Amino acid sequence: MEYFRQMMERSAFGVCSFLGEKIGLASSRVRLYFIYITLLTLGSPIIIYLFAAFWLNIKRYIKKGKNLVWN
């Protein structure tokens, strides 16, 4: 079950799990806060979420590229 949860978090951009690791909170708690904030502000944090997802994808791509050069 843990493997399935981690796979789903990675496939959903991993933004909430990344923020949870950096802040020191559970990723489920970060998701819950994100949902509440999105509902209260009528969806504007979705733009921030998409930007963070884009940034994490670029960061992951750069790390993989660096590993390929040194191998």
PDB file of N, CA and C in Angstrom:
ATOM      1  N   MET A   1       0.827  -1.190   0.000  1.00  0.00           N
ATOM      2  CA  MET A   1       0.000   0.000   0.000  1.00  0.00           C
ATOM      3  C   MET A   1       0.874   1.258   0.000  1.00  0.00           C
ATOM      4  N   GLU A   2       1.965   1.214   0.723  1.00  0.00           N
ATOM      5  CA  GLU A   2       2.879   2.369   0.786  1.00  0.00           C
ATOM      6  C   GLU A   2       3.483   2.652  -0.585  1.00  0.00           C
ATOM      7  N   TYR A   3       3.840   1.598  -1.315  1.00  0.00           N
ATOM      8  CA  TYR A   3       4.400   1.763  -2.654  1.00  0.00           C
ATOM      9  C   TYR A   3       3.385   2.427  -3.579  1.00  0.00           C
ATOM     10  N   PHE A   4       2.139   2.001  -3.495  1.00  0.00           N
ATOM     11  CA  PHE A   4       1.085   2.577  -4.334  1.00  0.00           C
ATOM     12  C   PHE A   4       0.892   4.056  -4.021  1.00  0.00           C
ATOM     13  N   ARG A   5       0.924   4.422  -2.738  1.00  0.00           N
ATOM     14  CA  ARG A   5       0.755   5.821  -2.339  1.00  0.00           C
ATOM     15  C   ARG A   5       1.893   6.676  -2.883  1.00  0.00           C
ATOM     16  N   GLN A   6       3.123   6.174  -2.770  1.00  0.00           N
ATOM     17  CA  GLN A   6       4.277   6.930  -3.258  1.00  0.00           C
ATOM     18  C   GLN A   6       4.229   7.080  -4.772  1.00  0.00           C
ATOM     19  N   MET A   7       3.790   6.038  -5.472  1.00  0.00           N
ATOM     20  CA  MET A   7       3.685   6.112  -6.923  1.00  0.00           C
ATOM     21  C   MET A   7       2.646   7.148  -7.339  1.00  0.00           C
ATOM     22  N   MET A   8       1.519   7.198  -6.652  1.00  0.00           N
ATOM     23  CA  MET A   8       0.478   8.163  -6.969  1.00  0.00           C
ATOM     24  C   MET A   8       0.943   9.592  -6.681  1.00  0.00           C
ATOM     25  N   GLU A   9       1.688   9.778  -5.599  1.00  0.00           N
ATOM     26  CA  GLU A   9       2.186  11.107  -5.276  1.00  0.00           C
ATOM     27  C   GLU A   9       3.171  11.595  -6.331  1.00  0.00           C
ATOM     28  N   ARG A  10       4.034  10.704  -6.811  1.00  0.00           N
ATOM     29  CA  ARG A  10       4.987  11.098  -7.848  1.00  0.00           C
ATOM     30  C   ARG A  10       4.292  11.400  -9.161  1.00  0.00           C
ATOM     31  N   SER A  11       3.257  10.639  -9.489  1.00  0.00           N
ATOM     32  CA  SER A  11       2.578  10.856 -10.762  1.00  0.00           C
ATOM     33  C   SER A  11       1.691  12.092 -10.727  1.00  0.00           C
ATOM     34  N   ALA A  12       1.333  12.562  -9.555  1.00  0.00           N
ATOM     35  CA  ALA A  12       0.534  13.777  -9.430  1.00  0.00           C
ATOM     36  C   ALA A  12       1.442  14.978  -9.162  1.00  0.00           C
ATOM     37  N   PHE A  13       2.574  15.003  -9.805  1.00  0.00           N
ATOM     38  CA  PHE A  13       3.580  16.068  -9.754  1.00  0.00           C
ATOM     39  C   PHE A  13       4.385  16.086  -8.460  1.00  0.00           C
ATOM     40  N   GLY A  14       3.884  15.580  -7.357  1.00  0.00           N
ATOM     41  CA  GLY A  14       4.626  15.522  -6.113  1.00  0.00           C
ATOM     42  C   GLY A  14       4.794  16.852  -5.426  1.00  0.00           C
ATOM     43  N   VAL A  15       3.969  17.828  -5.758  1.00  0.00           N
ATOM     44  CA  VAL A  15       4.112  19.157  -5.176  1.00  0.00           C
ATOM     45  C   VAL A  15       3.805  19.122  -3.682  1.00  0.00           C
ATOM     46  N   CYS A  16       2.694  18.521  -3.304  1.00  0.00           N
ATOM     47  CA  CYS A  16       2.313  18.494  -1.892  1.00  0.00           C
ATOM     48  C   CYS A  16       3.294  17.669  -1.067  1.00  0.00           C
ATOM     49  N   SER A  17       3.760  16.558  -1.611  1.00  0.00           N
ATOM     50  CA  SER A  17       4.724  15.754  -0.857  1.00  0.00           C
ATOM     51  C   SER A  17       6.062  16.484  -0.735  1.00  0.00           C
ATOM     52  N   PHE A  18       6.478  17.206  -1.775  1.00  0.00           N
ATOM     53  CA  PHE A  18       7.717  17.980  -1.721  1.00  0.00           C
ATOM     54  C   PHE A  18       7.617  19.074  -0.655  1.00  0.00           C
ATOM     55  N   LEU A  19       6.484  19.800  -0.673  1.00  0.00           N
ATOM     56  CA  LEU A  19       6.294  20.849   0.326  1.00  0.00           C
ATOM     57  C   LEU A  19       6.215  20.273   1.729  1.00  0.00           C
ATOM     58  N   GLY A  20       5.563  19.134   1.865  1.00  0.00           N
ATOM     59  CA  GLY A  20       5.465  18.486   3.165  1.00  0.00           C
ATOM     60  C   GLY A  20       6.816  18.083   3.708  1.00  0.00           C
ATOM     61  N   GLU A  21       7.679  17.556   2.838  1.00  0.00           N
ATOM     62  CA  GLU A  21       9.026  17.179   3.268  1.00  0.00           C
ATOM     63  C   GLU A  21       9.829  18.396   3.683  1.00  0.00           C
ATOM     64  N   LYS A  22       9.724  19.485   2.927  1.00  0.00           N
ATOM     65  CA  LYS A  22      10.494  20.695   3.246  1.00  0.00           C
ATOM     66  C   LYS A  22      10.013  21.362   4.525  1.00  0.00           C
ATOM     67  N   ILE A  23       8.701  21.382   4.732  1.00  0.00           N
ATOM     68  CA  ILE A  23       8.133  22.043   5.904  1.00  0.00           C
ATOM     69  C   ILE A  23       8.172  21.136   7.128  1.00  0.00           C
ATOM     70  N   GLY A  24       8.083  19.840   6.888  1.00  0.00           N
ATOM     71  CA  GLY A  24       8.073  18.894   8.000  1.00  0.00           C
ATOM     72  C   GLY A  24       6.670  18.455   8.377  1.00  0.00           C
ATOM     73  N   LEU A  25       5.725  18.555   7.448  1.00  0.00           N
ATOM     74  CA  LEU A  25       4.348  18.118   7.664  1.00  0.00           C
ATOM     75  C   LEU A  25       4.054  16.905   6.796  1.00  0.00           C
ATOM     76  N   ALA A  26       3.013  16.189   7.153  1.00  0.00           N
ATOM     77  CA  ALA A  26       2.568  15.077   6.323  1.00  0.00           C
ATOM     78  C   ALA A  26       1.981  15.633   5.022  1.00  0.00           C
ATOM     79  N   SER A  27       2.202  14.922   3.934  1.00  0.00           N
ATOM     80  CA  SER A  27       1.707  15.409   2.644  1.00  0.00           C
ATOM     81  C   SER A  27       0.187  15.456   2.608  1.00  0.00           C
ATOM     82  N   SER A  28      -0.478  14.582   3.355  1.00  0.00           N
ATOM     83  CA  SER A  28      -1.943  14.635   3.399  1.00  0.00           C
ATOM     84  C   SER A  28      -2.425  15.925   4.055  1.00  0.00           C
ATOM     85  N   ARG A  29      -1.700  16.388   5.069  1.00  0.00           N
ATOM     86  CA  ARG A  29      -2.057  17.645   5.731  1.00  0.00           C
ATOM     87  C   ARG A  29      -1.846  18.830   4.787  1.00  0.00           C
ATOM     88  N   VAL A  30      -0.766  18.802   4.008  1.00  0.00           N
ATOM     89  CA  VAL A  30      -0.505  19.872   3.043  1.00  0.00           C
ATOM     90  C   VAL A  30      -1.602  19.891   1.984  1.00  0.00           C
ATOM     91  N   ARG A  31      -2.007  18.715   1.500  1.00  0.00           N
ATOM     92  CA  ARG A  31      -3.097  18.644   0.523  1.00  0.00           C
ATOM     93  C   ARG A  31      -4.385  19.221   1.087  1.00  0.00           C
ATOM     94  N   LEU A  32      -4.682  18.887   2.346  1.00  0.00           N
ATOM     95  CA  LEU A  32      -5.892  19.378   2.983  1.00  0.00           C
ATOM     96  C   LEU A  32      -5.866  20.900   3.085  1.00  0.00           C
ATOM     97  N   TYR A  33      -4.747  21.469   3.512  1.00  0.00           N
ATOM     98  CA  TYR A  33      -4.621  22.923   3.583  1.00  0.00           C
ATOM     99  C   TYR A  33      -4.747  23.549   2.199  1.00  0.00           C
ATOM    100  N   PHE A  34      -4.160  22.910   1.210  1.00  0.00           N
ATOM    101  CA  PHE A  34      -4.244  23.436  -0.149  1.00  0.00           C
ATOM    102  C   PHE A  34      -5.694  23.457  -0.630  1.00  0.00           C
ATOM    103  N   ILE A  35      -6.435  22.407  -0.347  1.00  0.00           N
ATOM    104  CA  ILE A  35      -7.850  22.356  -0.749  1.00  0.00           C
ATOM    105  C   ILE A  35      -8.638  23.454  -0.055  1.00  0.00           C
ATOM    106  N   TYR A  36      -8.424  23.630   1.249  1.00  0.00           N
ATOM    107  CA  TYR A  36      -9.148  24.679   1.974  1.00  0.00           C
ATOM    108  C   TYR A  36      -8.813  26.067   1.447  1.00  0.00           C
ATOM    109  N   ILE A  37      -7.551  26.323   1.222  1.00  0.00           N
ATOM    110  CA  ILE A  37      -7.147  27.639   0.711  1.00  0.00           C
ATOM    111  C   ILE A  37      -7.714  27.870  -0.686  1.00  0.00           C
ATOM    112  N   THR A  38      -7.720  26.836  -1.507  1.00  0.00           N
ATOM    113  CA  THR A  38      -8.270  26.974  -2.856  1.00  0.00           C
ATOM    114  C   THR A  38      -9.753  27.306  -2.811  1.00  0.00           C
ATOM    115  N   LEU A  39     -10.501  26.655  -1.933  1.00  0.00           N
ATOM    116  CA  LEU A  39     -11.922  26.938  -1.822  1.00  0.00           C
ATOM    117  C   LEU A  39     -12.184  28.330  -1.269  1.00  0.00           C
ATOM    118  N   LEU A  40     -11.384  28.771  -0.319  1.00  0.00           N
ATOM    119  CA  LEU A  40     -11.580  30.093   0.269  1.00  0.00           C
ATOM    120  C   LEU A  40     -11.237  31.225  -0.694  1.00  0.00           C
ATOM    121  N   THR A  41     -10.260  31.008  -1.544  1.00  0.00           N
ATOM    122  CA  THR A  41      -9.819  32.078  -2.451  1.00  0.00           C
ATOM    123  C   THR A  41     -10.311  31.885  -3.876  1.00  0.00           C
ATOM    124  N   LEU A  42     -11.280  31.015  -4.056  1.00  0.00           N
ATOM    125  CA  LEU A  42     -11.917  30.783  -5.355  1.00  0.00           C
ATOM    126  C   LEU A  42     -10.957  30.290  -6.431  1.00  0.00           C
ATOM    127  N   GLY A  43      -9.993  29.474  -6.055  1.00  0.00           N
ATOM    128  CA  GLY A  43      -9.165  28.783  -7.029  1.00  0.00           C
ATOM    129  C   GLY A  43      -7.863  29.424  -7.431  1.00  0.00           C
ATOM    130  N   SER A  44      -7.503  30.554  -6.872  1.00  0.00           N
ATOM    131  CA  SER A  44      -6.265  31.205  -7.297  1.00  0.00           C
ATOM    132  C   SER A  44      -4.995  30.421  -6.942  1.00  0.00           C
ATOM    133  N   PRO A  45      -4.937  29.632  -5.865  1.00  0.00           N
ATOM    134  CA  PRO A  45      -3.714  28.850  -5.592  1.00  0.00           C
ATOM    135  C   PRO A  45      -3.432  27.765  -6.622  1.00  0.00           C
ATOM    136  N   ILE A  46      -4.374  27.464  -7.479  1.00  0.00           N
ATOM    137  CA  ILE A  46      -4.122  26.471  -8.523  1.00  0.00           C
ATOM    138  C   ILE A  46      -2.993  26.938  -9.433  1.00  0.00           C
ATOM    139  N   ILE A  47      -2.909  28.235  -9.674  1.00  0.00           N
ATOM    140  CA  ILE A  47      -1.824  28.789 -10.493  1.00  0.00           C
ATOM    141  C   ILE A  47      -0.482  28.546  -9.806  1.00  0.00           C
ATOM    142  N   ILE A  48      -0.430  28.748  -8.510  1.00  0.00           N
ATOM    143  CA  ILE A  48       0.803  28.514  -7.750  1.00  0.00           C
ATOM    144  C   ILE A  48       1.159  27.028  -7.788  1.00  0.00           C
ATOM    145  N   TYR A  49       0.162  26.158  -7.657  1.00  0.00           N
ATOM    146  CA  TYR A  49       0.387  24.716  -7.704  1.00  0.00           C
ATOM    147  C   TYR A  49       0.957  24.303  -9.061  1.00  0.00           C
ATOM    148  N   LEU A  50       0.384  24.811 -10.148  1.00  0.00           N
ATOM    149  CA  LEU A  50       0.871  24.468 -11.483  1.00  0.00           C
ATOM    150  C   LEU A  50       2.285  24.985 -11.711  1.00  0.00           C
ATOM    151  N   PHE A  51       2.595  26.176 -11.203  1.00  0.00           N
ATOM    152  CA  PHE A  51       3.947  26.706 -11.310  1.00  0.00           C
ATOM    153  C   PHE A  51       4.932  25.826 -10.544  1.00  0.00           C
ATOM    154  N   ALA A  52       4.537  25.399  -9.329  1.00  0.00           N
ATOM    155  CA  ALA A  52       5.411  24.533  -8.531  1.00  0.00           C
ATOM    156  C   ALA A  52       5.603  23.185  -9.221  1.00  0.00           C
ATOM    157  N   ALA A  53       4.547  22.647  -9.829  1.00  0.00           N
ATOM    158  CA  ALA A  53       4.664  21.374 -10.544  1.00  0.00           C
ATOM    159  C   ALA A  53       5.616  21.514 -11.730  1.00  0.00           C
ATOM    160  N   PHE A  54       5.508  22.614 -12.463  1.00  0.00           N
ATOM    161  CA  PHE A  54       6.406  22.869 -13.576  1.00  0.00           C
ATOM    162  C   PHE A  54       7.845  22.975 -13.092  1.00  0.00           C
ATOM    163  N   TRP A  55       8.056  23.696 -12.000  1.00  0.00           N
ATOM    164  CA  TRP A  55       9.398  23.897 -11.457  1.00  0.00           C
ATOM    165  C   TRP A  55      10.012  22.573 -10.996  1.00  0.00           C
ATOM    166  N   LEU A  56       9.218  21.727 -10.337  1.00  0.00           N
ATOM    167  CA  LEU A  56       9.728  20.437  -9.885  1.00  0.00           C
ATOM    168  C   LEU A  56      10.064  19.530 -11.059  1.00  0.00           C
ATOM    169  N   ASN A  57       9.275  19.593 -12.127  1.00  0.00           N
ATOM    170  CA  ASN A  57       9.580  18.800 -13.315  1.00  0.00           C
ATOM    171  C   ASN A  57      10.887  19.254 -13.956  1.00  0.00           C
ATOM    172  N   ILE A  58      11.088  20.548 -14.056  1.00  0.00           N
ATOM    173  CA  ILE A  58      12.332  21.089 -14.623  1.00  0.00           C
ATOM    174  C   ILE A  58      13.517  20.692 -13.735  1.00  0.00           C
ATOM    175  N   LYS A  59      13.333  20.804 -12.427  1.00  0.00           N
ATOM    176  CA  LYS A  59      14.397  20.446 -11.484  1.00  0.00           C
ATOM    177  C   LYS A  59      14.766  18.968 -11.624  1.00  0.00           C
ATOM    178  N   ARG A  60      13.771  18.094 -11.733  1.00  0.00           N
ATOM    179  CA  ARG A  60      13.996  16.661 -11.904  1.00  0.00           C
ATOM    180  C   ARG A  60      14.704  16.383 -13.226  1.00  0.00           C
ATOM    181  N   TYR A  61      14.319  17.086 -14.280  1.00  0.00           N
ATOM    182  CA  TYR A  61      14.922  16.917 -15.598  1.00  0.00           C
ATOM    183  C   TYR A  61      16.394  17.324 -15.575  1.00  0.00           C
ATOM    184  N   ILE A  62      16.697  18.425 -14.906  1.00  0.00           N
ATOM    185  CA  ILE A  62      18.081  18.900 -14.826  1.00  0.00           C
ATOM    186  C   ILE A  62      18.942  17.915 -14.048  1.00  0.00           C
ATOM    187  N   LYS A  63      18.409  17.378 -12.940  1.00  0.00           N
ATOM    188  CA  LYS A  63      19.168  16.406 -12.154  1.00  0.00           C
ATOM    189  C   LYS A  63      19.461  15.150 -12.958  1.00  0.00           C
ATOM    190  N   LYS A  64      18.490  14.683 -13.732  1.00  0.00           N
ATOM    191  CA  LYS A  64      18.719  13.502 -14.563  1.00  0.00           C
ATOM    192  C   LYS A  64      19.742  13.791 -15.649  1.00  0.00           C
ATOM    193  N   GLY A  65      19.713  14.991 -16.196  1.00  0.00           N
ATOM    194  CA  GLY A  65      20.681  15.369 -17.222  1.00  0.00           C
ATOM    195  C   GLY A  65      22.087  15.431 -16.676  1.00  0.00           C
ATOM    196  N   LYS A  66      22.244  15.941 -15.472  1.00  0.00           N
ATOM    197  CA  LYS A  66      23.568  16.006 -14.856  1.00  0.00           C
ATOM    198  C   LYS A  66      24.114  14.613 -14.575  1.00  0.00           C
ATOM    199  N   ASN A  67      23.246  13.710 -14.155  1.00  0.00           N
ATOM    200  CA  ASN A  67      23.695  12.330 -13.874  1.00  0.00           C
ATOM    201  C   ASN A  67      24.164  11.654 -15.160  1.00  0.00           C
ATOM    202  N   LEU A  68      23.513  11.918 -16.280  1.00  0.00           N
ATOM    203  CA  LEU A  68      23.883  11.297 -17.524  1.00  0.00           C
ATOM    204  C   LEU A  68      25.239  11.784 -18.011  1.00  0.00           C
ATOM    205  N   VAL A  69      25.557  13.046 -17.772  1.00  0.00           N
ATOM    206  CA  VAL A  69      26.831  13.593 -18.224  1.00  0.00           C
ATOM    207  C   VAL A  69      27.989  12.977 -17.449  1.00  0.00           C
ATOM    208  N   TRP A  70      27.826  12.786 -16.151  1.00  0.00           N
ATOM    209  CA  TRP A  70      28.918  12.290 -15.322  1.00  0.00           C
ATOM    210  C   TRP A  70      29.083  10.792 -15.387  1.00  0.00           C
ATOM    211  N   ASN A  71      28.104  10.070 -15.885  1.00  0.00           N
ATOM    212  CA  ASN A  71      28.231   8.597 -15.963  1.00  0.00           C
ATOM    213  C   ASN A  71      28.970   8.154 -17.173  1.00  0.00           C
TER     214      ASN A  71
END
